[in-house]
Structures are given as structure tokens and as C-alpha cells.
Amino acid sequence: MAASTRDFRVTTDLHEIDLDTVHRWLSTDAFWALGRSRQTVQQAAEASMNFGVLDRERKLVGYARVVTDSATFAWLCDVYVSPGARGKGLGLFLATAVVETLRPLELNRVLLSTLDAHGLYERVGFTEFPDPQKLMILAPPKPKTWDA
């Protein structure tokens, strides 16, 4: 059953987004963020463009974050729909809101990484990266070890 925009809305106001809920979702259920600290969730949110899907009771049921310079580049990440709200079209609703918000910025590139939602993102305009061999990643530093 598809979600109706009458039943849900997307907000970009961080004050309306319950970061305790976002932290719980990401740190316990999102494979890419397992164990992420509450402080890291807060810091990342404050430095990003945030999108929350709220139901009629203003309860958060979905979240996405966009890291951007608002001039040339954006990275869509931390996209999550709560288990109880899945299957209602909210992922597409959220992705559409993100794309509609970013389009007026006329960014040169908007990227994301997904394991299994390619079809959803294709519906809002994403395509495969044309030259994946050009992508590189800087590995995080190894944790410090202390000599006794």
C-alpha cells in the first residue's frame, strides 16, 4: 500500500527530527553505521542537510542526510525507513523530496551508495556511476594503540 502525502510529510528542520531515534536506528539496525555514537550522529546531522519523514502525530518514521557544499557536490547517505513504516512507499517519498530539494542547486554531481535499492533510486533519476574505476576511498586511520 502506497503512502499518502496526507498521512506523512518531509521536514528539513533539524529541530523536528528526533536524533535519538535516528541514532537508535543507525547504530543498531543500519549495517553501514552499526555502533555509531550518539555524538557522531549529532555532529553529522548538524553539518548536513537533513530530511525527516513524519507521520500525522509528528513521529519520525524515516530519515536521510545529505552532505553537500550546496554549490557543486552532494552525497546522499544514512537513508532509513523504520521497520514498521516499510512497504508504504516512504523510501520513494523521501528520495523524491531529497531530489526535489537538490535540483534547484544545480549541483554537478550527487552520489549515493546502495546495496539493494537501485530500482528505487532509479525512479527518482539516479543512474549507475559511469566510471566506477575512477572512484577511490581514503581508509580511516587505524585506532591508536597505547604502549603499557
C-alpha atoms as a PDB file:
ATOM      1  CA  MET A   1       0.000   0.000   0.000  1.00  0.00           C
ATOM      2  CA  ALA A   2       1.484   3.341  -1.034  1.00  0.00           C
ATOM      3  CA  ALA A   3       1.800   6.121   1.486  1.00  0.00           C
ATOM      4  CA  SER A   4      -0.322   9.191   1.003  1.00  0.00           C
ATOM      5  CA  THR A   5       1.187  12.624   1.358  1.00  0.00           C
ATOM      6  CA  ARG A   6      -1.861  13.363   3.507  1.00  0.00           C
ATOM      7  CA  ASP A   7      -0.522  10.901   6.078  1.00  0.00           C
ATOM      8  CA  PHE A   8       3.169  11.867   6.017  1.00  0.00           C
ATOM      9  CA  ARG A   9       5.318  14.894   5.410  1.00  0.00           C
ATOM     10  CA  VAL A  10       9.004  15.550   4.921  1.00  0.00           C
ATOM     11  CA  THR A  11      10.766  18.151   7.015  1.00  0.00           C
ATOM     12  CA  THR A  12      14.259  19.564   6.654  1.00  0.00           C
ATOM     13  CA  ASP A  13      14.050  21.284  10.030  1.00  0.00           C
ATOM     14  CA  LEU A  14      16.532  19.509  12.294  1.00  0.00           C
ATOM     15  CA  HIS A  15      14.542  20.649  15.338  1.00  0.00           C
ATOM     16  CA  GLU A  16      11.666  18.420  14.179  1.00  0.00           C
ATOM     17  CA  ILE A  17      13.897  15.365  13.693  1.00  0.00           C
ATOM     18  CA  ASP A  18      14.348  13.139  16.738  1.00  0.00           C
ATOM     19  CA  LEU A  19      18.077  12.381  16.644  1.00  0.00           C
ATOM     20  CA  ASP A  20      17.752   9.887  19.498  1.00  0.00           C
ATOM     21  CA  THR A  21      15.546   7.820  17.179  1.00  0.00           C
ATOM     22  CA  VAL A  22      17.952   8.320  14.265  1.00  0.00           C
ATOM     23  CA  HIS A  23      20.823   7.208  16.490  1.00  0.00           C
ATOM     24  CA  ARG A  24      18.940   4.090  17.597  1.00  0.00           C
ATOM     25  CA  TRP A  25      18.083   3.172  14.002  1.00  0.00           C
ATOM     26  CA  LEU A  26      21.559   3.722  12.619  1.00  0.00           C
ATOM     27  CA  SER A  27      23.622   2.337  15.486  1.00  0.00           C
ATOM     28  CA  THR A  28      21.580  -0.856  15.941  1.00  0.00           C
ATOM     29  CA  ASP A  29      19.978  -1.669  12.570  1.00  0.00           C
ATOM     30  CA  ALA A  30      21.830   0.019   9.693  1.00  0.00           C
ATOM     31  CA  PHE A  31      24.727  -2.199   8.572  1.00  0.00           C
ATOM     32  CA  TRP A  32      26.790   0.827   7.492  1.00  0.00           C
ATOM     33  CA  ALA A  33      26.522   2.575  10.853  1.00  0.00           C
ATOM     34  CA  LEU A  34      26.387  -0.155  13.495  1.00  0.00           C
ATOM     35  CA  GLY A  35      27.801   1.145  16.745  1.00  0.00           C
ATOM     36  CA  ARG A  36      27.843   4.778  15.616  1.00  0.00           C
ATOM     37  CA  SER A  37      27.879   7.011  18.689  1.00  0.00           C
ATOM     38  CA  ARG A  38      25.121   9.462  19.550  1.00  0.00           C
ATOM     39  CA  GLN A  39      27.694  12.260  19.413  1.00  0.00           C
ATOM     40  CA  THR A  40      28.680  11.281  15.867  1.00  0.00           C
ATOM     41  CA  VAL A  41      25.028  11.222  14.766  1.00  0.00           C
ATOM     42  CA  GLN A  42      24.552  14.712  16.225  1.00  0.00           C
ATOM     43  CA  GLN A  43      27.740  16.112  14.697  1.00  0.00           C
ATOM     44  CA  ALA A  44      26.953  14.625  11.275  1.00  0.00           C
ATOM     45  CA  ALA A  45      23.387  15.944  11.346  1.00  0.00           C
ATOM     46  CA  GLU A  46      24.469  19.439  12.339  1.00  0.00           C
ATOM     47  CA  ALA A  47      26.927  19.559   9.421  1.00  0.00           C
ATOM     48  CA  SER A  48      24.446  18.200   6.857  1.00  0.00           C
ATOM     49  CA  MET A  49      21.112  18.797   5.172  1.00  0.00           C
ATOM     50  CA  ASN A  50      18.602  16.540   6.962  1.00  0.00           C
ATOM     51  CA  PHE A  51      15.308  15.061   5.816  1.00  0.00           C
ATOM     52  CA  GLY A  52      12.825  13.507   8.201  1.00  0.00           C
ATOM     53  CA  VAL A  53       9.588  11.764   7.309  1.00  0.00           C
ATOM     54  CA  LEU A  54       6.973  12.479   9.966  1.00  0.00           C
ATOM     55  CA  ASP A  55       3.583  10.858  10.384  1.00  0.00           C
ATOM     56  CA  ARG A  56       0.442  12.742  11.420  1.00  0.00           C
ATOM     57  CA  GLU A  57       1.494  12.548  15.077  1.00  0.00           C
ATOM     58  CA  ARG A  58       4.876  14.089  14.148  1.00  0.00           C
ATOM     59  CA  LYS A  59       6.609  10.777  14.909  1.00  0.00           C
ATOM     60  CA  LEU A  60       9.752  10.204  12.863  1.00  0.00           C
ATOM     61  CA  VAL A  61       9.370   7.224  10.516  1.00  0.00           C
ATOM     62  CA  GLY A  62      12.161   7.916   8.016  1.00  0.00           C
ATOM     63  CA  TYR A  63      15.412   9.820   7.711  1.00  0.00           C
ATOM     64  CA  ALA A  64      18.044  10.791   5.157  1.00  0.00           C
ATOM     65  CA  ARG A  65      21.081  13.010   5.309  1.00  0.00           C
ATOM     66  CA  VAL A  66      22.823  14.900   2.517  1.00  0.00           C
ATOM     67  CA  VAL A  67      26.413  16.088   2.828  1.00  0.00           C
ATOM     68  CA  THR A  68      26.855  18.981   0.411  1.00  0.00           C
ATOM     69  CA  ASP A  69      28.682  22.189  -0.332  1.00  0.00           C
ATOM     70  CA  SER A  70      25.418  23.425  -1.946  1.00  0.00           C
ATOM     71  CA  ALA A  71      27.416  24.513  -4.997  1.00  0.00           C
ATOM     72  CA  THR A  72      28.932  21.529  -6.811  1.00  0.00           C
ATOM     73  CA  PHE A  73      28.513  18.248  -4.934  1.00  0.00           C
ATOM     74  CA  ALA A  74      26.266  16.219  -2.631  1.00  0.00           C
ATOM     75  CA  TRP A  75      26.351  12.768  -1.055  1.00  0.00           C
ATOM     76  CA  LEU A  76      23.046  11.170  -0.057  1.00  0.00           C
ATOM     77  CA  CYS A  77      23.548   8.911   2.942  1.00  0.00           C
ATOM     78  CA  ASP A  78      22.022   7.422   6.089  1.00  0.00           C
ATOM     79  CA  VAL A  79      18.708   6.751   4.328  1.00  0.00           C
ATOM     80  CA  TYR A  80      16.491   4.764   6.674  1.00  0.00           C
ATOM     81  CA  VAL A  81      12.789   3.941   6.967  1.00  0.00           C
ATOM     82  CA  SER A  82      11.631   2.429  10.244  1.00  0.00           C
ATOM     83  CA  PRO A  83      10.672  -1.262  10.022  1.00  0.00           C
ATOM     84  CA  GLY A  84       7.035  -0.553  10.926  1.00  0.00           C
ATOM     85  CA  ALA A  85       6.713   2.002   8.120  1.00  0.00           C
ATOM     86  CA  ARG A  86       8.315  -0.031   5.346  1.00  0.00           C
ATOM     87  CA  GLY A  87       6.296  -1.171   2.367  1.00  0.00           C
ATOM     88  CA  LYS A  88       4.252   2.036   2.233  1.00  0.00           C
ATOM     89  CA  GLY A  89       6.267   3.888  -0.410  1.00  0.00           C
ATOM     90  CA  LEU A  90       8.047   6.094   2.111  1.00  0.00           C
ATOM     91  CA  GLY A  91      11.506   5.369   0.731  1.00  0.00           C
ATOM     92  CA  LEU A  92      10.402   6.725  -2.649  1.00  0.00           C
ATOM     93  CA  PHE A  93       8.598   9.611  -0.936  1.00  0.00           C
ATOM     94  CA  LEU A  94      11.798  10.502   0.935  1.00  0.00           C
ATOM     95  CA  ALA A  95      14.102  10.084  -2.079  1.00  0.00           C
ATOM     96  CA  THR A  96      11.790  12.256  -4.176  1.00  0.00           C
ATOM     97  CA  ALA A  97      11.859  15.003  -1.536  1.00  0.00           C
ATOM     98  CA  VAL A  98      15.664  14.879  -1.457  1.00  0.00           C
ATOM     99  CA  VAL A  99      15.957  15.135  -5.241  1.00  0.00           C
ATOM    100  CA  GLU A 100      13.384  17.949  -5.442  1.00  0.00           C
ATOM    101  CA  THR A 101      15.312  19.875  -2.785  1.00  0.00           C
ATOM    102  CA  LEU A 102      18.680  19.384  -4.501  1.00  0.00           C
ATOM    103  CA  ARG A 103      17.647  20.042  -8.125  1.00  0.00           C
ATOM    104  CA  PRO A 104      17.404  23.852  -7.768  1.00  0.00           C
ATOM    105  CA  LEU A 105      21.011  23.886  -6.531  1.00  0.00           C
ATOM    106  CA  GLU A 106      22.129  22.650  -9.975  1.00  0.00           C
ATOM    107  CA  LEU A 107      24.892  20.534  -8.468  1.00  0.00           C
ATOM    108  CA  ASN A 108      27.407  18.919 -10.820  1.00  0.00           C
ATOM    109  CA  ARG A 109      27.212  15.571  -9.053  1.00  0.00           C
ATOM    110  CA  VAL A 110      25.006  13.885  -6.475  1.00  0.00           C
ATOM    111  CA  LEU A 111      26.222  10.484  -5.318  1.00  0.00           C
ATOM    112  CA  LEU A 112      24.956   7.696  -3.123  1.00  0.00           C
ATOM    113  CA  SER A 113      25.923   4.144  -2.312  1.00  0.00           C
ATOM    114  CA  THR A 114      23.334   1.380  -2.103  1.00  0.00           C
ATOM    115  CA  LEU A 115      23.443  -2.384  -1.948  1.00  0.00           C
ATOM    116  CA  ASP A 116      19.847  -3.204  -2.773  1.00  0.00           C
ATOM    117  CA  ALA A 117      17.737  -0.149  -3.573  1.00  0.00           C
ATOM    118  CA  HIS A 118      18.936   0.617  -7.092  1.00  0.00           C
ATOM    119  CA  GLY A 119      15.418   0.432  -8.525  1.00  0.00           C
ATOM    120  CA  LEU A 120      14.068   2.926  -6.016  1.00  0.00           C
ATOM    121  CA  TYR A 121      16.808   5.469  -6.721  1.00  0.00           C
ATOM    122  CA  GLU A 122      16.499   4.973 -10.488  1.00  0.00           C
ATOM    123  CA  ARG A 123      12.838   6.054 -10.169  1.00  0.00           C
ATOM    124  CA  VAL A 124      13.995   9.495  -8.958  1.00  0.00           C
ATOM    125  CA  GLY A 125      16.740   9.910 -11.548  1.00  0.00           C
ATOM    126  CA  PHE A 126      19.877   8.197 -10.249  1.00  0.00           C
ATOM    127  CA  THR A 127      21.921   6.064 -12.663  1.00  0.00           C
ATOM    128  CA  GLU A 128      24.970   3.865 -12.285  1.00  0.00           C
ATOM    129  CA  PHE A 129      28.224   5.767 -11.889  1.00  0.00           C
ATOM    130  CA  PRO A 130      29.681   5.988 -15.406  1.00  0.00           C
ATOM    131  CA  ASP A 131      33.301   5.336 -14.460  1.00  0.00           C
ATOM    132  CA  PRO A 132      33.457   3.413 -11.162  1.00  0.00           C
ATOM    133  CA  GLN A 133      37.135   2.680 -11.742  1.00  0.00           C
ATOM    134  CA  LYS A 134      37.760   6.389 -11.100  1.00  0.00           C
ATOM    135  CA  LEU A 135      36.342   6.250  -7.580  1.00  0.00           C
ATOM    136  CA  MET A 136      38.732   5.873  -4.698  1.00  0.00           C
ATOM    137  CA  ILE A 137      38.360   5.873  -0.949  1.00  0.00           C
ATOM    138  CA  LEU A 138      40.636   7.077   1.830  1.00  0.00           C
ATOM    139  CA  ALA A 139      40.567   4.472   4.558  1.00  0.00           C
ATOM    140  CA  PRO A 140      40.004   5.749   8.071  1.00  0.00           C
ATOM    141  CA  PRO A 141      43.088   5.829  10.279  1.00  0.00           C
ATOM    142  CA  LYS A 142      43.790   2.770  12.355  1.00  0.00           C
ATOM    143  CA  PRO A 143      42.891   3.129  16.028  1.00  0.00           C
ATOM    144  CA  LYS A 144      45.793   4.208  18.194  1.00  0.00           C
ATOM    145  CA  THR A 145      47.335   1.592  20.396  1.00  0.00           C
ATOM    146  CA  TRP A 146      48.938   2.614  23.637  1.00  0.00           C
ATOM    147  CA  ASP A 147      52.106   1.067  24.952  1.00  0.00           C
ATOM    148  CA  ALA A 148      51.841  -0.030  28.561  1.00  0.00           C
END
